[in-house]
Amino acid sequence: QVQLVESGGGLVQVGDSLRLSCAASGLTFSTYSMAWFRHTPGEAREFVAVVSWRISSPKYADSVKGRFIISRDNAKKTVSLQMNSLKPEDTGVYYCAADRQYGRGSNVESDYVYWGQGTQVTVSS
């Protein structure tokens, strides 16, 4: 049984940093593309970042490029999202997702077969 469990969300101030983590189990972690999506108030769930062994570097949504860093530890089966210079528009529920297509590195929600339960991030001004 595949499980993705996010942690690290919380309430922060504008300009603060926060680090999200996702622990995976029940899958051959190193062969999956791992991504973060978020569901912000009033919007559809959107892509944030993805990391895959195949792509030369991680991919990011334009809205977070230069502020967020995605990384993975295949030995620990974890993927993290370091979020810096947080803005109120970063508020939302952040989801970890896994794509079994080897090395795809997709930013398309429907390509991801496994999802975590989400962790709330609130950025207060």
PDB file of N, CA and C in Angstrom:
ATOM      1  N   GLN A   1       0.844  -1.187   0.000  1.00  0.00           N
ATOM      2  CA  GLN A   1       0.000   0.000   0.000  1.00  0.00           C
ATOM      3  C   GLN A   1       0.890   1.252   0.000  1.00  0.00           C
ATOM      4  N   VAL A   2       0.655   2.100  -0.968  1.00  0.00           N
ATOM      5  CA  VAL A   2       1.459   3.314  -1.098  1.00  0.00           C
ATOM      6  C   VAL A   2       0.919   4.385  -0.162  1.00  0.00           C
ATOM      7  N   GLN A   3       1.831   5.027   0.541  1.00  0.00           N
ATOM      8  CA  GLN A   3       1.456   6.143   1.403  1.00  0.00           C
ATOM      9  C   GLN A   3       2.436   7.294   1.198  1.00  0.00           C
ATOM     10  N   LEU A   4       1.874   8.486   1.102  1.00  0.00           N
ATOM     11  CA  LEU A   4       2.655   9.720   1.081  1.00  0.00           C
ATOM     12  C   LEU A   4       2.147  10.572   2.228  1.00  0.00           C
ATOM     13  N   VAL A   5       3.042  10.951   3.123  1.00  0.00           N
ATOM     14  CA  VAL A   5       2.637  11.692   4.311  1.00  0.00           C
ATOM     15  C   VAL A   5       3.431  12.989   4.382  1.00  0.00           C
ATOM     16  N   GLU A   6       2.690  14.094   4.261  1.00  0.00           N
ATOM     17  CA  GLU A   6       3.330  15.411   4.325  1.00  0.00           C
ATOM     18  C   GLU A   6       3.416  15.907   5.760  1.00  0.00           C
ATOM     19  N   SER A   7       4.383  16.774   5.999  1.00  0.00           N
ATOM     20  CA  SER A   7       4.514  17.422   7.301  1.00  0.00           C
ATOM     21  C   SER A   7       5.234  18.754   7.109  1.00  0.00           C
ATOM     22  N   GLY A   8       5.156  19.602   8.137  1.00  0.00           N
ATOM     23  CA  GLY A   8       5.913  20.841   8.114  1.00  0.00           C
ATOM     24  C   GLY A   8       5.114  22.096   7.838  1.00  0.00           C
ATOM     25  N   GLY A   9       3.831  21.957   7.563  1.00  0.00           N
ATOM     26  CA  GLY A   9       3.017  23.133   7.324  1.00  0.00           C
ATOM     27  C   GLY A   9       2.813  23.932   8.604  1.00  0.00           C
ATOM     28  N   GLY A  10       2.266  25.136   8.446  1.00  0.00           N
ATOM     29  CA  GLY A  10       2.006  25.957   9.611  1.00  0.00           C
ATOM     30  C   GLY A  10       1.665  27.390   9.243  1.00  0.00           C
ATOM     31  N   LEU A  11       1.630  28.231  10.255  1.00  0.00           N
ATOM     32  CA  LEU A  11       1.323  29.650  10.103  1.00  0.00           C
ATOM     33  C   LEU A  11       2.618  30.452  10.222  1.00  0.00           C
ATOM     34  N   VAL A  12       2.917  31.244   9.185  1.00  0.00           N
ATOM     35  CA  VAL A  12       4.127  32.056   9.189  1.00  0.00           C
ATOM     36  C   VAL A  12       3.792  33.476   8.734  1.00  0.00           C
ATOM     37  N   GLN A  13       4.767  34.349   8.866  1.00  0.00           N
ATOM     38  CA  GLN A  13       4.612  35.731   8.447  1.00  0.00           C
ATOM     39  C   GLN A  13       5.190  35.929   7.042  1.00  0.00           C
ATOM     40  N   VAL A  14       4.769  36.989   6.401  1.00  0.00           N
ATOM     41  CA  VAL A  14       5.320  37.327   5.083  1.00  0.00           C
ATOM     42  C   VAL A  14       6.841  37.442   5.179  1.00  0.00           C
ATOM     43  N   GLY A  15       7.532  36.827   4.223  1.00  0.00           N
ATOM     44  CA  GLY A  15       8.986  36.860   4.196  1.00  0.00           C
ATOM     45  C   GLY A  15       9.664  35.728   4.934  1.00  0.00           C
ATOM     46  N   ASP A  16       8.893  34.981   5.711  1.00  0.00           N
ATOM     47  CA  ASP A  16       9.451  33.855   6.459  1.00  0.00           C
ATOM     48  C   ASP A  16       9.731  32.677   5.534  1.00  0.00           C
ATOM     49  N   SER A  17      10.371  31.670   6.114  1.00  0.00           N
ATOM     50  CA  SER A  17      10.653  30.434   5.401  1.00  0.00           C
ATOM     51  C   SER A  17       9.956  29.269   6.096  1.00  0.00           C
ATOM     52  N   LEU A  18       9.729  28.221   5.323  1.00  0.00           N
ATOM     53  CA  LEU A  18       9.087  27.014   5.846  1.00  0.00           C
ATOM     54  C   LEU A  18       9.589  25.846   5.013  1.00  0.00           C
ATOM     55  N   ARG A  19       9.751  24.711   5.653  1.00  0.00           N
ATOM     56  CA  ARG A  19      10.213  23.522   4.939  1.00  0.00           C
ATOM     57  C   ARG A  19       9.184  22.412   5.082  1.00  0.00           C
ATOM     58  N   LEU A  20       8.670  21.953   3.960  1.00  0.00           N
ATOM     59  CA  LEU A  20       7.732  20.839   3.936  1.00  0.00           C
ATOM     60  C   LEU A  20       8.489  19.554   3.623  1.00  0.00           C
ATOM     61  N   SER A  21       8.021  18.475   4.197  1.00  0.00           N
ATOM     62  CA  SER A  21       8.594  17.166   3.915  1.00  0.00           C
ATOM     63  C   SER A  21       7.491  16.185   3.571  1.00  0.00           C
ATOM     64  N   CYS A  22       7.843  15.203   2.766  1.00  0.00           N
ATOM     65  CA  CYS A  22       6.907  14.143   2.386  1.00  0.00           C
ATOM     66  C   CYS A  22       7.640  12.812   2.511  1.00  0.00           C
ATOM     67  N   ALA A  23       7.098  11.934   3.330  1.00  0.00           N
ATOM     68  CA  ALA A  23       7.680  10.611   3.517  1.00  0.00           C
ATOM     69  C   ALA A  23       6.862   9.598   2.728  1.00  0.00           C
ATOM     70  N   ALA A  24       7.553   8.818   1.899  1.00  0.00           N
ATOM     71  CA  ALA A  24       6.881   7.845   1.045  1.00  0.00           C
ATOM     72  C   ALA A  24       7.145   6.427   1.531  1.00  0.00           C
ATOM     73  N   SER A  25       6.165   5.572   1.328  1.00  0.00           N
ATOM     74  CA  SER A  25       6.330   4.154   1.631  1.00  0.00           C
ATOM     75  C   SER A  25       5.494   3.345   0.659  1.00  0.00           C
ATOM     76  N   GLY A  26       5.878   2.080   0.476  1.00  0.00           N
ATOM     77  CA  GLY A  26       5.104   1.192  -0.373  1.00  0.00           C
ATOM     78  C   GLY A  26       5.362   1.333  -1.860  1.00  0.00           C
ATOM     79  N   LEU A  27       6.409   2.050  -2.237  1.00  0.00           N
ATOM     80  CA  LEU A  27       6.756   2.190  -3.657  1.00  0.00           C
ATOM     81  C   LEU A  27       8.263   2.233  -3.816  1.00  0.00           C
ATOM     82  N   THR A  28       8.719   1.928  -5.046  1.00  0.00           N
ATOM     83  CA  THR A  28      10.145   2.007  -5.344  1.00  0.00           C
ATOM     84  C   THR A  28      10.461   3.476  -5.606  1.00  0.00           C
ATOM     85  N   PHE A  29      10.735   4.168  -4.550  1.00  0.00           N
ATOM     86  CA  PHE A  29      10.765   5.625  -4.543  1.00  0.00           C
ATOM     87  C   PHE A  29      11.664   6.206  -5.621  1.00  0.00           C
ATOM     88  N   SER A  30      12.849   5.641  -5.802  1.00  0.00           N
ATOM     89  CA  SER A  30      13.844   6.241  -6.698  1.00  0.00           C
ATOM     90  C   SER A  30      13.397   6.268  -8.156  1.00  0.00           C
ATOM     91  N   THR A  31      12.406   5.474  -8.505  1.00  0.00           N
ATOM     92  CA  THR A  31      11.964   5.422  -9.901  1.00  0.00           C
ATOM     93  C   THR A  31      10.800   6.360 -10.191  1.00  0.00           C
ATOM     94  N   TYR A  32      10.317   7.054  -9.187  1.00  0.00           N
ATOM     95  CA  TYR A  32       9.174   7.943  -9.349  1.00  0.00           C
ATOM     96  C   TYR A  32       9.617   9.397  -9.446  1.00  0.00           C
ATOM     97  N   SER A  33       8.919  10.133 -10.312  1.00  0.00           N
ATOM     98  CA  SER A  33       9.000  11.586 -10.235  1.00  0.00           C
ATOM     99  C   SER A  33       8.180  12.017  -9.027  1.00  0.00           C
ATOM    100  N   MET A  34       8.719  12.948  -8.267  1.00  0.00           N
ATOM    101  CA  MET A  34       8.020  13.429  -7.074  1.00  0.00           C
ATOM    102  C   MET A  34       7.772  14.924  -7.219  1.00  0.00           C
ATOM    103  N   ALA A  35       6.567  15.326  -6.889  1.00  0.00           N
ATOM    104  CA  ALA A  35       6.189  16.719  -7.103  1.00  0.00           C
ATOM    105  C   ALA A  35       5.412  17.265  -5.910  1.00  0.00           C
ATOM    106  N   TRP A  36       5.346  18.565  -5.895  1.00  0.00           N
ATOM    107  CA  TRP A  36       4.480  19.283  -4.962  1.00  0.00           C
ATOM    108  C   TRP A  36       3.461  20.079  -5.772  1.00  0.00           C
ATOM    109  N   PHE A  37       2.212  19.990  -5.345  1.00  0.00           N
ATOM    110  CA  PHE A  37       1.136  20.809  -5.870  1.00  0.00           C
ATOM    111  C   PHE A  37       0.540  21.574  -4.698  1.00  0.00           C
ATOM    112  N   ARG A  38      -0.254  22.574  -5.011  1.00  0.00           N
ATOM    113  CA  ARG A  38      -0.946  23.294  -3.944  1.00  0.00           C
ATOM    114  C   ARG A  38      -2.335  23.703  -4.389  1.00  0.00           C
ATOM    115  N   HIS A  39      -3.191  23.802  -3.401  1.00  0.00           N
ATOM    116  CA  HIS A  39      -4.565  24.238  -3.644  1.00  0.00           C
ATOM    117  C   HIS A  39      -4.753  25.526  -2.856  1.00  0.00           C
ATOM    118  N   THR A  40      -4.747  26.627  -3.578  1.00  0.00           N
ATOM    119  CA  THR A  40      -4.905  27.919  -2.932  1.00  0.00           C
ATOM    120  C   THR A  40      -6.379  28.324  -2.947  1.00  0.00           C
ATOM    121  N   PRO A  41      -6.813  29.135  -1.992  1.00  0.00           N
ATOM    122  CA  PRO A  41      -8.228  29.509  -1.891  1.00  0.00           C
ATOM    123  C   PRO A  41      -8.774  30.089  -3.190  1.00  0.00           C
ATOM    124  N   GLY A  42      -9.897  29.545  -3.649  1.00  0.00           N
ATOM    125  CA  GLY A  42     -10.544  30.064  -4.844  1.00  0.00           C
ATOM    126  C   GLY A  42      -9.920  29.639  -6.151  1.00  0.00           C
ATOM    127  N   GLU A  43      -8.913  28.778  -6.093  1.00  0.00           N
ATOM    128  CA  GLU A  43      -8.225  28.353  -7.301  1.00  0.00           C
ATOM    129  C   GLU A  43      -8.213  26.832  -7.404  1.00  0.00           C
ATOM    130  N   ALA A  44      -7.972  26.340  -8.609  1.00  0.00           N
ATOM    131  CA  ALA A  44      -7.793  24.910  -8.798  1.00  0.00           C
ATOM    132  C   ALA A  44      -6.410  24.511  -8.268  1.00  0.00           C
ATOM    133  N   ARG A  45      -6.246  23.226  -8.008  1.00  0.00           N
ATOM    134  CA  ARG A  45      -4.933  22.756  -7.556  1.00  0.00           C
ATOM    135  C   ARG A  45      -3.919  23.017  -8.661  1.00  0.00           C
ATOM    136  N   GLU A  46      -2.739  23.504  -8.273  1.00  0.00           N
ATOM    137  CA  GLU A  46      -1.738  23.895  -9.263  1.00  0.00           C
ATOM    138  C   GLU A  46      -0.383  23.281  -8.950  1.00  0.00           C
ATOM    139  N   PHE A  47       0.380  23.107 -10.007  1.00  0.00           N
ATOM    140  CA  PHE A  47       1.729  22.580  -9.905  1.00  0.00           C
ATOM    141  C   PHE A  47       2.641  23.589  -9.219  1.00  0.00           C
ATOM    142  N   VAL A  48       3.545  23.068  -8.372  1.00  0.00           N
ATOM    143  CA  VAL A  48       4.525  23.922  -7.702  1.00  0.00           C
ATOM    144  C   VAL A  48       5.947  23.565  -8.152  1.00  0.00           C
ATOM    145  N   ALA A  49       6.311  22.284  -8.007  1.00  0.00           N
ATOM    146  CA  ALA A  49       7.671  21.872  -8.348  1.00  0.00           C
ATOM    147  C   ALA A  49       7.731  20.361  -8.513  1.00  0.00           C
ATOM    148  N   VAL A  50       8.689  19.898  -9.303  1.00  0.00           N
ATOM    149  CA  VAL A  50       8.887  18.467  -9.512  1.00  0.00           C
ATOM    150  C   VAL A  50      10.383  18.170  -9.561  1.00  0.00           C
ATOM    151  N   VAL A  51      10.729  16.986  -9.053  1.00  0.00           N
ATOM    152  CA  VAL A  51      12.111  16.523  -9.133  1.00  0.00           C
ATOM    153  C   VAL A  51      12.117  15.082  -9.610  1.00  0.00           C
ATOM    154  N   SER A  52      12.938  14.800 -10.582  1.00  0.00           N
ATOM    155  CA  SER A  52      13.029  13.464 -11.164  1.00  0.00           C
ATOM    156  C   SER A  52      14.482  13.183 -11.509  1.00  0.00           C
ATOM    157  N   TRP A  53      14.865  11.937 -11.476  1.00  0.00           N
ATOM    158  CA  TRP A  53      16.270  11.636 -11.780  1.00  0.00           C
ATOM    159  C   TRP A  53      16.614  12.017 -13.201  1.00  0.00           C
ATOM    160  N   ARG A  54      15.623  12.006 -14.108  1.00  0.00           N
ATOM    161  CA  ARG A  54      15.921  12.156 -15.526  1.00  0.00           C
ATOM    162  C   ARG A  54      16.137  13.613 -15.933  1.00  0.00           C
ATOM    163  N   ILE A  55      15.298  14.497 -15.443  1.00  0.00           N
ATOM    164  CA  ILE A  55      15.430  15.889 -15.854  1.00  0.00           C
ATOM    165  C   ILE A  55      16.716  16.463 -15.262  1.00  0.00           C
ATOM    166  N   SER A  56      17.356  17.319 -16.000  1.00  0.00           N
ATOM    167  CA  SER A  56      18.661  17.825 -15.600  1.00  0.00           C
ATOM    168  C   SER A  56      18.586  18.687 -14.351  1.00  0.00           C
ATOM    169  N   SER A  57      17.456  19.285 -14.143  1.00  0.00           N
ATOM    170  CA  SER A  57      17.302  20.079 -12.939  1.00  0.00           C
ATOM    171  C   SER A  57      15.814  20.097 -12.592  1.00  0.00           C
ATOM    172  N   PRO A  58      15.497  20.368 -11.379  1.00  0.00           N
ATOM    173  CA  PRO A  58      14.083  20.419 -11.012  1.00  0.00           C
ATOM    174  C   PRO A  58      13.333  21.490 -11.813  1.00  0.00           C
ATOM    175  N   LYS A  59      12.049  21.318 -11.908  1.00  0.00           N
ATOM    176  CA  LYS A  59      11.194  22.296 -12.580  1.00  0.00           C
ATOM    177  C   LYS A  59      10.296  22.969 -11.556  1.00  0.00           C
ATOM    178  N   TYR A  60      10.032  24.248 -11.800  1.00  0.00           N
ATOM    179  CA  TYR A  60       9.231  25.031 -10.869  1.00  0.00           C
ATOM    180  C   TYR A  60       8.171  25.835 -11.619  1.00  0.00           C
ATOM    181  N   ALA A  61       7.075  26.093 -10.926  1.00  0.00           N
ATOM    182  CA  ALA A  61       6.108  27.051 -11.442  1.00  0.00           C
ATOM    183  C   ALA A  61       6.753  28.435 -11.415  1.00  0.00           C
ATOM    184  N   ASP A  62       6.377  29.270 -12.355  1.00  0.00           N
ATOM    185  CA  ASP A  62       6.956  30.609 -12.418  1.00  0.00           C
ATOM    186  C   ASP A  62       6.730  31.393 -11.123  1.00  0.00           C
ATOM    187  N   SER A  63       5.609  31.135 -10.477  1.00  0.00           N
ATOM    188  CA  SER A  63       5.244  31.887  -9.276  1.00  0.00           C
ATOM    189  C   SER A  63       6.157  31.601  -8.086  1.00  0.00           C
ATOM    190  N   VAL A  64       6.883  30.489  -8.135  1.00  0.00           N
ATOM    191  CA  VAL A  64       7.743  30.136  -6.993  1.00  0.00           C
ATOM    192  C   VAL A  64       9.218  30.068  -7.369  1.00  0.00           C
ATOM    193  N   LYS A  65       9.519  30.212  -8.642  1.00  0.00           N
ATOM    194  CA  LYS A  65      10.895  30.107  -9.111  1.00  0.00           C
ATOM    195  C   LYS A  65      11.775  31.141  -8.418  1.00  0.00           C
ATOM    196  N   GLY A  66      12.913  30.681  -7.915  1.00  0.00           N
ATOM    197  CA  GLY A  66      13.821  31.573  -7.201  1.00  0.00           C
ATOM    198  C   GLY A  66      13.546  31.674  -5.711  1.00  0.00           C
ATOM    199  N   ARG A  67      12.393  31.170  -5.276  1.00  0.00           N
ATOM    200  CA  ARG A  67      12.053  31.222  -3.848  1.00  0.00           C
ATOM    201  C   ARG A  67      11.941  29.833  -3.225  1.00  0.00           C
ATOM    202  N   PHE A  68      11.478  28.863  -4.005  1.00  0.00           N
ATOM    203  CA  PHE A  68      11.274  27.503  -3.497  1.00  0.00           C
ATOM    204  C   PHE A  68      12.354  26.583  -4.058  1.00  0.00           C
ATOM    205  N   ILE A  69      12.716  25.587  -3.260  1.00  0.00           N
ATOM    206  CA  ILE A  69      13.678  24.581  -3.698  1.00  0.00           C
ATOM    207  C   ILE A  69      13.137  23.198  -3.362  1.00  0.00           C
ATOM    208  N   ILE A  70      13.046  22.346  -4.375  1.00  0.00           N
ATOM    209  CA  ILE A  70      12.609  20.976  -4.157  1.00  0.00           C
ATOM    210  C   ILE A  70      13.837  20.074  -4.148  1.00  0.00           C
ATOM    211  N   SER A  71      13.815  19.084  -3.276  1.00  0.00           N
ATOM    212  CA  SER A  71      14.918  18.133  -3.211  1.00  0.00           C
ATOM    213  C   SER A  71      14.381  16.777  -2.791  1.00  0.00           C
ATOM    214  N   ARG A  72      15.178  15.742  -3.044  1.00  0.00           N
ATOM    215  CA  ARG A  72      14.754  14.406  -2.666  1.00  0.00           C
ATOM    216  C   ARG A  72      15.922  13.646  -2.082  1.00  0.00           C
ATOM    217  N   ASP A  73      15.591  12.705  -1.209  1.00  0.00           N
ATOM    218  CA  ASP A  73      16.573  11.794  -0.621  1.00  0.00           C
ATOM    219  C   ASP A  73      16.065  10.390  -0.887  1.00  0.00           C
ATOM    220  N   ASN A  74      16.639   9.729  -1.874  1.00  0.00           N
ATOM    221  CA  ASN A  74      16.139   8.411  -2.246  1.00  0.00           C
ATOM    222  C   ASN A  74      16.389   7.366  -1.154  1.00  0.00           C
ATOM    223  N   ALA A  75      17.448   7.530  -0.407  1.00  0.00           N
ATOM    224  CA  ALA A  75      17.745   6.572   0.663  1.00  0.00           C
ATOM    225  C   ALA A  75      16.692   6.646   1.771  1.00  0.00           C
ATOM    226  N   LYS A  76      16.239   7.856   2.051  1.00  0.00           N
ATOM    227  CA  LYS A  76      15.239   8.038   3.110  1.00  0.00           C
ATOM    228  C   LYS A  76      13.818   8.038   2.565  1.00  0.00           C
ATOM    229  N   LYS A  77      13.690   8.014   1.233  1.00  0.00           N
ATOM    230  CA  LYS A  77      12.380   8.048   0.589  1.00  0.00           C
ATOM    231  C   LYS A  77      11.594   9.289   0.996  1.00  0.00           C
ATOM    232  N   THR A  78      12.254  10.402   0.901  1.00  0.00           N
ATOM    233  CA  THR A  78      11.599  11.656   1.235  1.00  0.00           C
ATOM    234  C   THR A  78      11.816  12.693   0.127  1.00  0.00           C
ATOM    235  N   VAL A  79      10.863  13.584   0.010  1.00  0.00           N
ATOM    236  CA  VAL A  79      10.999  14.739  -0.874  1.00  0.00           C
ATOM    237  C   VAL A  79      10.628  15.966  -0.046  1.00  0.00           C
ATOM    238  N   SER A  80      11.382  17.025  -0.214  1.00  0.00           N
ATOM    239  CA  SER A  80      11.198  18.218   0.587  1.00  0.00           C
ATOM    240  C   SER A  80      10.963  19.436  -0.302  1.00  0.00           C
ATOM    241  N   LEU A  81      10.344  20.425   0.294  1.00  0.00           N
ATOM    242  CA  LEU A  81      10.130  21.692  -0.393  1.00  0.00           C
ATOM    243  C   LEU A  81      10.530  22.806   0.564  1.00  0.00           C
ATOM    244  N   GLN A  82      11.646  23.442   0.281  1.00  0.00           N
ATOM    245  CA  GLN A  82      12.095  24.583   1.060  1.00  0.00           C
ATOM    246  C   GLN A  82      11.463  25.831   0.462  1.00  0.00           C
ATOM    247  N   MET A  83      10.685  26.525   1.265  1.00  0.00           N
ATOM    248  CA  MET A  83       9.953  27.694   0.788  1.00  0.00           C
ATOM    249  C   MET A  83      10.498  28.930   1.487  1.00  0.00           C
ATOM    250  N   ASN A  84      11.042  29.841   0.717  1.00  0.00           N
ATOM    251  CA  ASN A  84      11.623  31.071   1.235  1.00  0.00           C
ATOM    252  C   ASN A  84      10.842  32.281   0.746  1.00  0.00           C
ATOM    253  N   SER A  85      11.040  33.390   1.426  1.00  0.00           N
ATOM    254  CA  SER A  85      10.390  34.651   1.038  1.00  0.00           C
ATOM    255  C   SER A  85       8.899  34.449   0.776  1.00  0.00           C
ATOM    256  N   LEU A  86       8.245  33.833   1.726  1.00  0.00           N
ATOM    257  CA  LEU A  86       6.835  33.479   1.541  1.00  0.00           C
ATOM    258  C   LEU A  86       5.952  34.712   1.405  1.00  0.00           C
ATOM    259  N   LYS A  87       4.927  34.560   0.580  1.00  0.00           N
ATOM    260  CA  LYS A  87       3.972  35.635   0.307  1.00  0.00           C
ATOM    261  C   LYS A  87       2.573  35.166   0.697  1.00  0.00           C
ATOM    262  N   PRO A  88       1.646  36.090   0.920  1.00  0.00           N
ATOM    263  CA  PRO A  88       0.270  35.691   1.250  1.00  0.00           C
ATOM    264  C   PRO A  88      -0.339  34.787   0.179  1.00  0.00           C
ATOM    265  N   GLU A  89       0.014  34.994  -1.076  1.00  0.00           N
ATOM    266  CA  GLU A  89      -0.545  34.172  -2.148  1.00  0.00           C
ATOM    267  C   GLU A  89       0.009  32.750  -2.172  1.00  0.00           C
ATOM    268  N   ASP A  90       0.973  32.459  -1.321  1.00  0.00           N
ATOM    269  CA  ASP A  90       1.458  31.090  -1.171  1.00  0.00           C
ATOM    270  C   ASP A  90       0.580  30.281  -0.216  1.00  0.00           C
ATOM    271  N   THR A  91      -0.357  30.929   0.425  1.00  0.00           N
ATOM    272  CA  THR A  91      -1.265  30.252   1.342  1.00  0.00           C
ATOM    273  C   THR A  91      -2.068  29.188   0.618  1.00  0.00           C
ATOM    274  N   GLY A  92      -2.158  28.012   1.228  1.00  0.00           N
ATOM    275  CA  GLY A  92      -2.933  26.934   0.633  1.00  0.00           C
ATOM    276  C   GLY A  92      -2.582  25.599   1.252  1.00  0.00           C
ATOM    277  N   VAL A  93      -3.191  24.570   0.718  1.00  0.00           N
ATOM    278  CA  VAL A  93      -2.883  23.202   1.125  1.00  0.00           C
ATOM    279  C   VAL A  93      -1.879  22.642   0.124  1.00  0.00           C
ATOM    280  N   TYR A  94      -0.783  22.151   0.627  1.00  0.00           N
ATOM    281  CA  TYR A  94       0.304  21.638  -0.211  1.00  0.00           C
ATOM    282  C   TYR A  94       0.272  20.110  -0.204  1.00  0.00           C
ATOM    283  N   TYR A  95       0.331  19.557  -1.406  1.00  0.00           N
ATOM    284  CA  TYR A  95       0.242  18.110  -1.581  1.00  0.00           C
ATOM    285  C   TYR A  95       1.515  17.565  -2.217  1.00  0.00           C
ATOM    286  N   CYS A  96       1.935  16.442  -1.717  1.00  0.00           N
ATOM    287  CA  CYS A  96       3.018  15.667  -2.311  1.00  0.00           C
ATOM    288  C   CYS A  96       2.375  14.662  -3.274  1.00  0.00           C
ATOM    289  N   ALA A  97       3.032  14.424  -4.419  1.00  0.00           N
ATOM    290  CA  ALA A  97       2.471  13.518  -5.408  1.00  0.00           C
ATOM    291  C   ALA A  97       3.579  12.711  -6.078  1.00  0.00           C
ATOM    292  N   ALA A  98       3.211  11.496  -6.500  1.00  0.00           N
ATOM    293  CA  ALA A  98       4.176  10.595  -7.124  1.00  0.00           C
ATOM    294  C   ALA A  98       3.672  10.138  -8.491  1.00  0.00           C
ATOM    295  N   ASP A  99       4.558  10.207  -9.474  1.00  0.00           N
ATOM    296  CA  ASP A  99       4.252   9.800 -10.852  1.00  0.00           C
ATOM    297  C   ASP A  99       5.086   8.567 -11.174  1.00  0.00           C
ATOM    298  N   ARG A 100       4.437   7.472 -11.495  1.00  0.00           N
ATOM    299  CA  ARG A 100       5.162   6.229 -11.731  1.00  0.00           C
ATOM    300  C   ARG A 100       5.860   6.180 -13.089  1.00  0.00           C
ATOM    301  N   GLN A 101       5.553   7.142 -13.960  1.00  0.00           N
ATOM    302  CA  GLN A 101       6.223   7.168 -15.263  1.00  0.00           C
ATOM    303  C   GLN A 101       7.688   7.543 -15.050  1.00  0.00           C
ATOM    304  N   TYR A 102       8.541   6.625 -15.337  1.00  0.00           N
ATOM    305  CA  TYR A 102       9.940   6.731 -14.996  1.00  0.00           C
ATOM    306  C   TYR A 102      10.584   7.982 -15.582  1.00  0.00           C
ATOM    307  N   GLY A 103      10.950   8.929 -14.739  1.00  0.00           N
ATOM    308  CA  GLY A 103      11.698  10.088 -15.173  1.00  0.00           C
ATOM    309  C   GLY A 103      10.925  11.137 -15.939  1.00  0.00           C
ATOM    310  N   ARG A 104       9.598  11.102 -15.889  1.00  0.00           N
ATOM    311  CA  ARG A 104       8.828  12.041 -16.709  1.00  0.00           C
ATOM    312  C   ARG A 104       8.975  13.488 -16.263  1.00  0.00           C
ATOM    313  N   GLY A 105       8.928  13.727 -14.978  1.00  0.00           N
ATOM    314  CA  GLY A 105       9.057  15.103 -14.491  1.00  0.00           C
ATOM    315  C   GLY A 105       7.931  16.000 -14.943  1.00  0.00           C
ATOM    316  N   SER A 106       6.704  15.515 -14.852  1.00  0.00           N
ATOM    317  CA  SER A 106       5.551  16.238 -15.379  1.00  0.00           C
ATOM    318  C   SER A 106       5.057  17.322 -14.430  1.00  0.00           C
ATOM    319  N   ASN A 107       4.421  18.341 -15.015  1.00  0.00           N
ATOM    320  CA  ASN A 107       3.740  19.366 -14.216  1.00  0.00           C
ATOM    321  C   ASN A 107       2.222  19.241 -14.367  1.00  0.00           C
ATOM    322  N   VAL A 108       1.765  18.109 -14.881  1.00  0.00           N
ATOM    323  CA  VAL A 108       0.340  17.883 -15.124  1.00  0.00           C
ATOM    324  C   VAL A 108      -0.246  17.031 -14.004  1.00  0.00           C
ATOM    325  N   GLU A 109      -1.265  17.547 -13.374  1.00  0.00           N
ATOM    326  CA  GLU A 109      -1.844  16.879 -12.207  1.00  0.00           C
ATOM    327  C   GLU A 109      -2.294  15.451 -12.499  1.00  0.00           C
ATOM    328  N   SER A 110      -2.895  15.237 -13.641  1.00  0.00           N
ATOM    329  CA  SER A 110      -3.462  13.921 -13.963  1.00  0.00           C
ATOM    330  C   SER A 110      -2.386  12.862 -14.211  1.00  0.00           C
ATOM    331  N   ASP A 111      -1.139  13.257 -14.332  1.00  0.00           N
ATOM    332  CA  ASP A 111      -0.053  12.287 -14.500  1.00  0.00           C
ATOM    333  C   ASP A 111       0.350  11.633 -13.172  1.00  0.00           C
ATOM    334  N   TYR A 112      -0.137  12.154 -12.082  1.00  0.00           N
ATOM    335  CA  TYR A 112       0.279  11.681 -10.761  1.00  0.00           C
ATOM    336  C   TYR A 112      -0.762  10.727 -10.191  1.00  0.00           C
ATOM    337  N   VAL A 113      -0.295   9.551  -9.789  1.00  0.00           N
ATOM    338  CA  VAL A 113      -1.213   8.496  -9.343  1.00  0.00           C
ATOM    339  C   VAL A 113      -1.343   8.406  -7.835  1.00  0.00           C
ATOM    340  N   TYR A 114      -0.351   8.880  -7.122  1.00  0.00           N
ATOM    341  CA  TYR A 114      -0.396   8.804  -5.664  1.00  0.00           C
ATOM    342  C   TYR A 114      -0.280  10.204  -5.076  1.00  0.00           C
ATOM    343  N   TRP A 115      -1.112  10.445  -4.048  1.00  0.00           N
ATOM    344  CA  TRP A 115      -1.182  11.761  -3.433  1.00  0.00           C
ATOM    345  C   TRP A 115      -1.178  11.632  -1.923  1.00  0.00           C
ATOM    346  N   GLY A 116      -0.564  12.619  -1.274  1.00  0.00           N
ATOM    347  CA  GLY A 116      -0.673  12.696   0.170  1.00  0.00           C
ATOM    348  C   GLY A 116      -1.963  13.387   0.567  1.00  0.00           C
ATOM    349  N   GLN A 117      -2.158  13.524   1.875  1.00  0.00           N
ATOM    350  CA  GLN A 117      -3.391  14.106   2.395  1.00  0.00           C
ATOM    351  C   GLN A 117      -3.334  15.626   2.427  1.00  0.00           C
ATOM    352  N   GLY A 118      -2.146  16.183   2.272  1.00  0.00           N
ATOM    353  CA  GLY A 118      -1.992  17.630   2.245  1.00  0.00           C
ATOM    354  C   GLY A 118      -1.599  18.207   3.591  1.00  0.00           C
ATOM    355  N   THR A 119      -0.904  19.337   3.534  1.00  0.00           N
ATOM    356  CA  THR A 119      -0.529  20.061   4.743  1.00  0.00           C
ATOM    357  C   THR A 119      -0.794  21.549   4.514  1.00  0.00           C
ATOM    358  N   GLN A 120      -1.388  22.205   5.502  1.00  0.00           N
ATOM    359  CA  GLN A 120      -1.806  23.594   5.355  1.00  0.00           C
ATOM    360  C   GLN A 120      -0.634  24.547   5.594  1.00  0.00           C
ATOM    361  N   VAL A 121      -0.490  25.490   4.677  1.00  0.00           N
ATOM    362  CA  VAL A 121       0.471  26.574   4.829  1.00  0.00           C
ATOM    363  C   VAL A 121      -0.305  27.883   4.796  1.00  0.00           C
ATOM    364  N   THR A 122      -0.134  28.688   5.817  1.00  0.00           N
ATOM    365  CA  THR A 122      -0.808  29.982   5.887  1.00  0.00           C
ATOM    366  C   THR A 122       0.239  31.062   6.078  1.00  0.00           C
ATOM    367  N   VAL A 123       0.245  32.027   5.161  1.00  0.00           N
ATOM    368  CA  VAL A 123       1.192  33.132   5.230  1.00  0.00           C
ATOM    369  C   VAL A 123       0.406  34.385   5.576  1.00  0.00           C
ATOM    370  N   SER A 124       0.681  34.927   6.735  1.00  0.00           N
ATOM    371  CA  SER A 124      -0.067  36.074   7.237  1.00  0.00           C
ATOM    372  C   SER A 124       0.688  37.369   6.981  1.00  0.00           C
ATOM    373  N   SER A 125      -0.072  38.375   6.568  1.00  0.00           N
ATOM    374  CA  SER A 125       0.526  39.689   6.361  1.00  0.00           C
ATOM    375  C   SER A 125       0.312  40.585   7.579  1.00  0.00           C
TER     376      SER A 125
END
